[in-house]
Amino acid sequence: MRYEEQTIEGRNAVLEAFRSGKTIDKIHVQKGCQDGPVNSILREARKQDTIISFVPKERLDQMSGTGKHQGVIASAAAYEYAQVEELLRLAEERKEPPFLILLDNIEDPHNLGAIIRTANLAGAHGVIIPKRRAAGLTATVAKASAGALNYTPVAKVTNLGNTIEELKEQGLWFVCADMEGTQMYDLDLKGPIGLVIGNEGEGVSRLVREKCDLTASIPMKGEIDSLNASVAAGVLAYEIVRQRMG
């Protein structure tokens, strides 16, 4: 199901969006607003674990397209998020060992869209992103995915490390991209696998990296020291594809 609107303004509209079950990634609330309607919105947001950002009125005025924000602007997902169980069910339906791509702090929507596109073409059963410090399923992401969002489910989780632990109990093992890791051609990347990709600046965070079973590096011959995150995801995903086909 696709949502038409990505930005919702005004107290009644935002509260109605929550109560109708729309997926709200984040709300921006004017600092100092503590009246009844705003408190109702904050209560709904906390119930759904939506990110809440308190900002000055000037910031809301800049963001507003209508000029009638009433102290509240919400960012709704352009597409619905899946549950992690749905990704595993898709693998089961295809009679394939699960292949998931997990993204740690990918904040650029173009990168997220490109990775979802790669995930689709490489036959991955879905993408998992964290709720915080990450791009959500915006219209920009949908466009960059070139239609892949219609076919490749994306799940959003509160804690990536905990999700990895839970998936390990279901038989998956995890490899993360790391410049200091073992060259990818020397690793056995077959079977039920989760590929973890971090952002260009910091890579995969230490807490998430420690949960992974292996670290994989991509051989690089040039003068610069790192690949764009979506390119790195593509290179490693297709090494997994190559080994699965072999």
C-alpha atoms as a PDB file:
ATOM      1  CA  MET A   1       0.000   0.000   0.000  1.00  0.00           C
ATOM      2  CA  ARG A   2       1.364   3.405  -0.903  1.00  0.00           C
ATOM      3  CA  TYR A   3       0.686   6.606   1.020  1.00  0.00           C
ATOM      4  CA  GLU A   4       0.030   9.711  -1.053  1.00  0.00           C
ATOM      5  CA  GLU A   5       1.203  12.300   1.434  1.00  0.00           C
ATOM      6  CA  GLN A   6       4.633  12.443   3.033  1.00  0.00           C
ATOM      7  CA  THR A   7       4.209  15.601   5.145  1.00  0.00           C
ATOM      8  CA  ILE A   8       1.194  16.177   7.379  1.00  0.00           C
ATOM      9  CA  GLU A   9       0.600  19.564   9.041  1.00  0.00           C
ATOM     10  CA  GLY A  10      -1.737  20.715  11.788  1.00  0.00           C
ATOM     11  CA  ARG A  11      -2.836  19.164  15.063  1.00  0.00           C
ATOM     12  CA  ASN A  12      -6.050  17.479  13.919  1.00  0.00           C
ATOM     13  CA  ALA A  13      -4.488  16.123  10.730  1.00  0.00           C
ATOM     14  CA  VAL A  14      -1.487  14.651  12.571  1.00  0.00           C
ATOM     15  CA  LEU A  15      -3.620  13.130  15.344  1.00  0.00           C
ATOM     16  CA  GLU A  16      -5.976  11.631  12.753  1.00  0.00           C
ATOM     17  CA  ALA A  17      -2.985  10.199  10.855  1.00  0.00           C
ATOM     18  CA  PHE A  18      -1.809   8.389  13.989  1.00  0.00           C
ATOM     19  CA  ARG A  19      -5.268   7.099  14.847  1.00  0.00           C
ATOM     20  CA  SER A  20      -5.914   5.853  11.299  1.00  0.00           C
ATOM     21  CA  GLY A  21      -2.787   3.681  11.484  1.00  0.00           C
ATOM     22  CA  LYS A  22      -0.521   5.614   9.099  1.00  0.00           C
ATOM     23  CA  THR A  23       3.178   4.945   9.579  1.00  0.00           C
ATOM     24  CA  ILE A  24       4.685   8.163  10.950  1.00  0.00           C
ATOM     25  CA  ASP A  25       8.496   8.172  10.944  1.00  0.00           C
ATOM     26  CA  LYS A  26       9.003  11.436  12.819  1.00  0.00           C
ATOM     27  CA  ILE A  27       7.117  14.408  14.234  1.00  0.00           C
ATOM     28  CA  HIS A  28       8.419  17.948  14.699  1.00  0.00           C
ATOM     29  CA  VAL A  29       6.761  19.747  17.616  1.00  0.00           C
ATOM     30  CA  GLN A  30       7.134  23.405  18.546  1.00  0.00           C
ATOM     31  CA  LYS A  31       9.180  23.865  21.709  1.00  0.00           C
ATOM     32  CA  GLY A  32       7.056  24.909  24.665  1.00  0.00           C
ATOM     33  CA  CYS A  33       3.758  23.557  23.259  1.00  0.00           C
ATOM     34  CA  GLN A  34       2.188  21.628  26.135  1.00  0.00           C
ATOM     35  CA  ASP A  35      -1.574  21.948  25.595  1.00  0.00           C
ATOM     36  CA  GLY A  36      -4.109  19.108  25.405  1.00  0.00           C
ATOM     37  CA  PRO A  37      -4.078  18.403  21.633  1.00  0.00           C
ATOM     38  CA  VAL A  38      -0.268  18.428  21.482  1.00  0.00           C
ATOM     39  CA  ASN A  39      -0.044  16.110  24.495  1.00  0.00           C
ATOM     40  CA  SER A  40      -2.481  13.733  22.765  1.00  0.00           C
ATOM     41  CA  ILE A  41      -0.221  13.706  19.691  1.00  0.00           C
ATOM     42  CA  LEU A  42       2.875  13.092  21.832  1.00  0.00           C
ATOM     43  CA  ARG A  43       1.091  10.224  23.582  1.00  0.00           C
ATOM     44  CA  GLU A  44       0.230   8.575  20.227  1.00  0.00           C
ATOM     45  CA  ALA A  45       3.780   9.148  18.967  1.00  0.00           C
ATOM     46  CA  ARG A  46       5.328   7.485  22.020  1.00  0.00           C
ATOM     47  CA  LYS A  47       2.875   4.592  21.749  1.00  0.00           C
ATOM     48  CA  GLN A  48       4.073   3.972  18.168  1.00  0.00           C
ATOM     49  CA  ASP A  49       7.746   4.653  19.000  1.00  0.00           C
ATOM     50  CA  THR A  50       7.811   7.558  16.518  1.00  0.00           C
ATOM     51  CA  ILE A  51      10.851   9.845  16.726  1.00  0.00           C
ATOM     52  CA  ILE A  52       9.910  13.180  18.342  1.00  0.00           C
ATOM     53  CA  SER A  53      11.895  16.329  17.612  1.00  0.00           C
ATOM     54  CA  PHE A  54      11.202  19.561  19.527  1.00  0.00           C
ATOM     55  CA  VAL A  55      12.110  22.568  17.365  1.00  0.00           C
ATOM     56  CA  PRO A  56      11.680  26.360  17.465  1.00  0.00           C
ATOM     57  CA  LYS A  57       8.623  27.891  15.749  1.00  0.00           C
ATOM     58  CA  GLU A  58      10.949  29.447  13.115  1.00  0.00           C
ATOM     59  CA  ARG A  59      12.075  25.980  12.033  1.00  0.00           C
ATOM     60  CA  LEU A  60       8.467  24.805  11.643  1.00  0.00           C
ATOM     61  CA  ASP A  61       7.649  27.942   9.649  1.00  0.00           C
ATOM     62  CA  GLN A  62      10.519  27.084   7.257  1.00  0.00           C
ATOM     63  CA  MET A  63       9.343  23.475   6.905  1.00  0.00           C
ATOM     64  CA  SER A  64       5.665  24.314   6.452  1.00  0.00           C
ATOM     65  CA  GLY A  65       4.126  24.214   3.009  1.00  0.00           C
ATOM     66  CA  THR A  66       0.739  25.520   4.141  1.00  0.00           C
ATOM     67  CA  GLY A  67       1.679  28.080   6.799  1.00  0.00           C
ATOM     68  CA  LYS A  68      -0.880  26.378   9.075  1.00  0.00           C
ATOM     69  CA  HIS A  69       1.224  23.871  11.015  1.00  0.00           C
ATOM     70  CA  GLN A  70      -0.241  24.813  14.457  1.00  0.00           C
ATOM     71  CA  GLY A  71       3.020  23.749  16.083  1.00  0.00           C
ATOM     72  CA  VAL A  72       3.110  20.194  14.632  1.00  0.00           C
ATOM     73  CA  ILE A  73       4.464  18.697  11.397  1.00  0.00           C
ATOM     74  CA  ALA A  74       4.660  14.939  10.821  1.00  0.00           C
ATOM     75  CA  SER A  75       6.713  12.978   8.282  1.00  0.00           C
ATOM     76  CA  ALA A  76       4.807   9.931   7.060  1.00  0.00           C
ATOM     77  CA  ALA A  77       6.387   6.975   5.296  1.00  0.00           C
ATOM     78  CA  ALA A  78       5.733   6.857   1.554  1.00  0.00           C
ATOM     79  CA  TYR A  79       5.406   3.059   1.839  1.00  0.00           C
ATOM     80  CA  GLU A  80       4.408   0.737   4.642  1.00  0.00           C
ATOM     81  CA  TYR A  81       7.153  -1.054   6.557  1.00  0.00           C
ATOM     82  CA  ALA A  82       7.179  -4.828   6.746  1.00  0.00           C
ATOM     83  CA  GLN A  83       7.778  -6.992   9.816  1.00  0.00           C
ATOM     84  CA  VAL A  84      11.054  -8.956   9.964  1.00  0.00           C
ATOM     85  CA  GLU A  85       8.977 -12.178   9.988  1.00  0.00           C
ATOM     86  CA  GLU A  86       7.581 -11.248   6.566  1.00  0.00           C
ATOM     87  CA  LEU A  87      11.109 -11.152   5.104  1.00  0.00           C
ATOM     88  CA  LEU A  88      11.795 -14.651   6.421  1.00  0.00           C
ATOM     89  CA  ARG A  89       8.428 -15.849   5.139  1.00  0.00           C
ATOM     90  CA  LEU A  90       9.326 -14.574   1.649  1.00  0.00           C
ATOM     91  CA  ALA A  91      12.514 -16.685   1.710  1.00  0.00           C
ATOM     92  CA  GLU A  92      10.468 -19.692   2.802  1.00  0.00           C
ATOM     93  CA  GLU A  93       7.944 -19.167  -0.015  1.00  0.00           C
ATOM     94  CA  ARG A  94      10.784 -19.040  -2.555  1.00  0.00           C
ATOM     95  CA  LYS A  95      12.355 -22.151  -0.965  1.00  0.00           C
ATOM     96  CA  GLU A  96      15.647 -20.258  -0.574  1.00  0.00           C
ATOM     97  CA  PRO A  97      17.950 -19.742   2.418  1.00  0.00           C
ATOM     98  CA  PRO A  98      17.249 -16.229   3.799  1.00  0.00           C
ATOM     99  CA  PHE A  99      19.370 -13.389   2.404  1.00  0.00           C
ATOM    100  CA  LEU A 100      18.815 -10.079   4.209  1.00  0.00           C
ATOM    101  CA  ILE A 101      20.594  -6.733   3.946  1.00  0.00           C
ATOM    102  CA  LEU A 102      20.863  -4.727   7.177  1.00  0.00           C
ATOM    103  CA  LEU A 103      21.793  -1.055   7.097  1.00  0.00           C
ATOM    104  CA  ASP A 104      23.510   0.661  10.014  1.00  0.00           C
ATOM    105  CA  ASN A 105      23.053   4.458   9.955  1.00  0.00           C
ATOM    106  CA  ILE A 106      22.456   4.977   6.219  1.00  0.00           C
ATOM    107  CA  GLU A 107      21.136   8.557   6.354  1.00  0.00           C
ATOM    108  CA  ASP A 108      21.254   9.470   2.642  1.00  0.00           C
ATOM    109  CA  PRO A 109      17.888   8.647   1.004  1.00  0.00           C
ATOM    110  CA  HIS A 110      19.544   8.206  -2.429  1.00  0.00           C
ATOM    111  CA  ASN A 111      21.853   5.558  -0.965  1.00  0.00           C
ATOM    112  CA  LEU A 112      18.952   3.804   0.750  1.00  0.00           C
ATOM    113  CA  GLY A 113      16.946   3.759  -2.479  1.00  0.00           C
ATOM    114  CA  ALA A 114      19.906   2.446  -4.466  1.00  0.00           C
ATOM    115  CA  ILE A 115      20.523  -0.332  -1.921  1.00  0.00           C
ATOM    116  CA  ILE A 116      16.852  -1.405  -2.041  1.00  0.00           C
ATOM    117  CA  ARG A 117      17.187  -1.540  -5.845  1.00  0.00           C
ATOM    118  CA  THR A 118      20.317  -3.710  -5.543  1.00  0.00           C
ATOM    119  CA  ALA A 119      18.626  -5.920  -2.932  1.00  0.00           C
ATOM    120  CA  ASN A 120      15.796  -6.598  -5.369  1.00  0.00           C
ATOM    121  CA  LEU A 121      18.078  -7.415  -8.301  1.00  0.00           C
ATOM    122  CA  ALA A 122      20.364  -9.623  -6.164  1.00  0.00           C
ATOM    123  CA  GLY A 123      17.380 -11.641  -4.942  1.00  0.00           C
ATOM    124  CA  ALA A 124      17.599 -10.534  -1.299  1.00  0.00           C
ATOM    125  CA  HIS A 125      14.447 -11.195   0.682  1.00  0.00           C
ATOM    126  CA  GLY A 126      14.374  -7.764   2.261  1.00  0.00           C
ATOM    127  CA  VAL A 127      16.177  -4.855   3.874  1.00  0.00           C
ATOM    128  CA  ILE A 128      16.272  -3.984   7.579  1.00  0.00           C
ATOM    129  CA  ILE A 129      16.882  -0.435   8.809  1.00  0.00           C
ATOM    130  CA  PRO A 130      17.013   1.065  12.325  1.00  0.00           C
ATOM    131  CA  LYS A 131      14.474   3.616  13.563  1.00  0.00           C
ATOM    132  CA  ARG A 132      17.057   6.217  14.553  1.00  0.00           C
ATOM    133  CA  ARG A 133      19.870   7.895  12.631  1.00  0.00           C
ATOM    134  CA  ALA A 134      18.615   6.465   9.358  1.00  0.00           C
ATOM    135  CA  ALA A 135      16.675   7.547   6.290  1.00  0.00           C
ATOM    136  CA  GLY A 136      13.045   6.386   6.225  1.00  0.00           C
ATOM    137  CA  LEU A 137      10.914   5.361   3.246  1.00  0.00           C
ATOM    138  CA  THR A 138      10.415   8.821   1.766  1.00  0.00           C
ATOM    139  CA  ALA A 139       9.360   9.688  -1.778  1.00  0.00           C
ATOM    140  CA  THR A 140      13.063  10.333  -2.596  1.00  0.00           C
ATOM    141  CA  VAL A 141      13.941   6.799  -1.491  1.00  0.00           C
ATOM    142  CA  ALA A 142      11.063   5.380  -3.537  1.00  0.00           C
ATOM    143  CA  LYS A 143      12.271   7.215  -6.645  1.00  0.00           C
ATOM    144  CA  ALA A 144      15.914   6.146  -6.152  1.00  0.00           C
ATOM    145  CA  SER A 145      14.791   2.519  -5.772  1.00  0.00           C
ATOM    146  CA  ALA A 146      13.426   2.638  -9.354  1.00  0.00           C
ATOM    147  CA  GLY A 147      10.299   0.704  -8.400  1.00  0.00           C
ATOM    148  CA  ALA A 148      12.048  -1.901  -6.230  1.00  0.00           C
ATOM    149  CA  LEU A 149      10.138  -0.716  -3.147  1.00  0.00           C
ATOM    150  CA  ASN A 150       7.015  -2.268  -4.675  1.00  0.00           C
ATOM    151  CA  TYR A 151       8.635  -5.709  -4.513  1.00  0.00           C
ATOM    152  CA  THR A 152      11.342  -5.716  -1.837  1.00  0.00           C
ATOM    153  CA  PRO A 153      10.056  -5.388   1.756  1.00  0.00           C
ATOM    154  CA  VAL A 154      11.803  -3.040   4.190  1.00  0.00           C
ATOM    155  CA  ALA A 155      11.513  -3.602   7.943  1.00  0.00           C
ATOM    156  CA  LYS A 156      12.260  -0.937  10.540  1.00  0.00           C
ATOM    157  CA  VAL A 157      13.553  -2.073  13.944  1.00  0.00           C
ATOM    158  CA  THR A 158      14.283  -0.333  17.234  1.00  0.00           C
ATOM    159  CA  ASN A 159      17.654  -2.033  17.826  1.00  0.00           C
ATOM    160  CA  LEU A 160      19.743  -3.545  15.026  1.00  0.00           C
ATOM    161  CA  GLY A 161      21.972  -5.506  17.418  1.00  0.00           C
ATOM    162  CA  ASN A 162      19.004  -7.171  19.131  1.00  0.00           C
ATOM    163  CA  THR A 163      17.490  -8.005  15.728  1.00  0.00           C
ATOM    164  CA  ILE A 164      20.752  -9.697  14.680  1.00  0.00           C
ATOM    165  CA  GLU A 165      20.700 -11.794  17.877  1.00  0.00           C
ATOM    166  CA  GLU A 166      17.074 -12.819  17.251  1.00  0.00           C
ATOM    167  CA  LEU A 167      17.827 -13.757  13.631  1.00  0.00           C
ATOM    168  CA  LYS A 168      20.856 -15.798  14.709  1.00  0.00           C
ATOM    169  CA  GLU A 169      18.479 -17.922  16.784  1.00  0.00           C
ATOM    170  CA  GLN A 170      16.600 -18.614  13.542  1.00  0.00           C
ATOM    171  CA  GLY A 171      19.722 -19.899  11.826  1.00  0.00           C
ATOM    172  CA  LEU A 172      21.111 -16.807  10.096  1.00  0.00           C
ATOM    173  CA  TRP A 173      24.717 -15.724  10.409  1.00  0.00           C
ATOM    174  CA  PHE A 174      26.074 -12.259   9.692  1.00  0.00           C
ATOM    175  CA  VAL A 175      28.863 -10.659   7.708  1.00  0.00           C
ATOM    176  CA  CYS A 176      29.613  -6.947   7.881  1.00  0.00           C
ATOM    177  CA  ALA A 177      31.509  -4.746   5.472  1.00  0.00           C
ATOM    178  CA  ASP A 178      34.747  -3.536   7.058  1.00  0.00           C
ATOM    179  CA  MET A 179      37.938  -2.249   5.445  1.00  0.00           C
ATOM    180  CA  GLU A 180      40.004  -4.220   7.993  1.00  0.00           C
ATOM    181  CA  GLY A 181      38.116  -7.464   7.363  1.00  0.00           C
ATOM    182  CA  THR A 182      39.037 -10.617   5.429  1.00  0.00           C
ATOM    183  CA  GLN A 183      38.988 -10.225   1.635  1.00  0.00           C
ATOM    184  CA  MET A 184      35.476 -11.192   0.512  1.00  0.00           C
ATOM    185  CA  TYR A 185      36.748 -13.767  -2.020  1.00  0.00           C
ATOM    186  CA  ASP A 186      38.310 -15.741   0.857  1.00  0.00           C
ATOM    187  CA  LEU A 187      35.046 -16.076   2.800  1.00  0.00           C
ATOM    188  CA  ASP A 188      32.305 -18.686   2.528  1.00  0.00           C
ATOM    189  CA  LEU A 189      29.176 -16.540   2.112  1.00  0.00           C
ATOM    190  CA  LYS A 190      26.642 -19.274   1.369  1.00  0.00           C
ATOM    191  CA  GLY A 191      23.628 -20.314   3.446  1.00  0.00           C
ATOM    192  CA  PRO A 192      21.180 -18.148   5.430  1.00  0.00           C
ATOM    193  CA  ILE A 193      22.980 -14.805   5.640  1.00  0.00           C
ATOM    194  CA  GLY A 194      22.609 -11.213   6.733  1.00  0.00           C
ATOM    195  CA  LEU A 195      24.851  -8.630   5.051  1.00  0.00           C
ATOM    196  CA  VAL A 196      25.464  -5.561   7.243  1.00  0.00           C
ATOM    197  CA  ILE A 197      26.457  -2.270   5.610  1.00  0.00           C
ATOM    198  CA  GLY A 198      27.415   0.925   7.484  1.00  0.00           C
ATOM    199  CA  ASN A 199      27.611   4.526   6.336  1.00  0.00           C
ATOM    200  CA  GLU A 200      30.601   5.936   4.439  1.00  0.00           C
ATOM    201  CA  GLY A 201      31.950   8.006   7.286  1.00  0.00           C
ATOM    202  CA  GLU A 202      31.921   5.653  10.259  1.00  0.00           C
ATOM    203  CA  GLY A 203      31.193   2.257   8.717  1.00  0.00           C
ATOM    204  CA  VAL A 204      29.327  -0.287  10.831  1.00  0.00           C
ATOM    205  CA  SER A 205      29.099   0.811  14.480  1.00  0.00           C
ATOM    206  CA  ARG A 206      31.186  -1.130  17.013  1.00  0.00           C
ATOM    207  CA  LEU A 207      28.172  -2.581  18.867  1.00  0.00           C
ATOM    208  CA  VAL A 208      26.665  -3.935  15.647  1.00  0.00           C
ATOM    209  CA  ARG A 209      30.028  -5.128  14.279  1.00  0.00           C
ATOM    210  CA  GLU A 210      30.641  -7.158  17.449  1.00  0.00           C
ATOM    211  CA  LYS A 211      27.389  -9.056  16.824  1.00  0.00           C
ATOM    212  CA  CYS A 212      28.563 -10.161  13.349  1.00  0.00           C
ATOM    213  CA  ASP A 213      30.242 -13.508  12.720  1.00  0.00           C
ATOM    214  CA  LEU A 214      32.581 -12.302   9.944  1.00  0.00           C
ATOM    215  CA  THR A 215      33.933  -9.060   8.525  1.00  0.00           C
ATOM    216  CA  ALA A 216      34.437  -8.761   4.762  1.00  0.00           C
ATOM    217  CA  SER A 217      36.623  -6.282   2.909  1.00  0.00           C
ATOM    218  CA  ILE A 218      36.415  -5.347  -0.757  1.00  0.00           C
ATOM    219  CA  PRO A 219      39.789  -5.297  -2.547  1.00  0.00           C
ATOM    220  CA  MET A 220      40.613  -1.739  -3.606  1.00  0.00           C
ATOM    221  CA  LYS A 221      43.500  -0.597  -5.794  1.00  0.00           C
ATOM    222  CA  GLY A 222      42.928   3.148  -6.086  1.00  0.00           C
ATOM    223  CA  GLU A 223      44.147   6.162  -4.173  1.00  0.00           C
ATOM    224  CA  ILE A 224      40.936   6.882  -2.218  1.00  0.00           C
ATOM    225  CA  ASP A 225      40.044   4.714   0.732  1.00  0.00           C
ATOM    226  CA  SER A 226      36.339   3.855   0.553  1.00  0.00           C
ATOM    227  CA  LEU A 227      33.401   3.080  -1.705  1.00  0.00           C
ATOM    228  CA  ASN A 228      29.995   4.724  -1.595  1.00  0.00           C
ATOM    229  CA  ALA A 229      27.778   2.671   0.754  1.00  0.00           C
ATOM    230  CA  SER A 230      25.358   1.637  -1.994  1.00  0.00           C
ATOM    231  CA  VAL A 231      28.224   0.525  -4.259  1.00  0.00           C
ATOM    232  CA  ALA A 232      29.808  -1.477  -1.414  1.00  0.00           C
ATOM    233  CA  ALA A 233      26.429  -3.115  -0.770  1.00  0.00           C
ATOM    234  CA  GLY A 234      26.179  -4.023  -4.468  1.00  0.00           C
ATOM    235  CA  VAL A 235      29.676  -5.512  -4.667  1.00  0.00           C
ATOM    236  CA  LEU A 236      29.215  -7.656  -1.561  1.00  0.00           C
ATOM    237  CA  ALA A 237      25.642  -8.658  -2.438  1.00  0.00           C
ATOM    238  CA  TYR A 238      26.801  -9.946  -5.806  1.00  0.00           C
ATOM    239  CA  GLU A 239      29.654 -11.924  -4.255  1.00  0.00           C
ATOM    240  CA  ILE A 240      26.942 -13.629  -2.174  1.00  0.00           C
ATOM    241  CA  VAL A 241      24.925 -14.187  -5.395  1.00  0.00           C
ATOM    242  CA  ARG A 242      27.993 -15.636  -7.177  1.00  0.00           C
ATOM    243  CA  GLN A 243      28.670 -18.086  -4.343  1.00  0.00           C
ATOM    244  CA  ARG A 244      25.020 -19.127  -4.137  1.00  0.00           C
ATOM    245  CA  MET A 245      24.943 -19.820  -7.874  1.00  0.00           C
ATOM    246  CA  GLY A 246      28.222 -21.735  -7.730  1.00  0.00           C
END
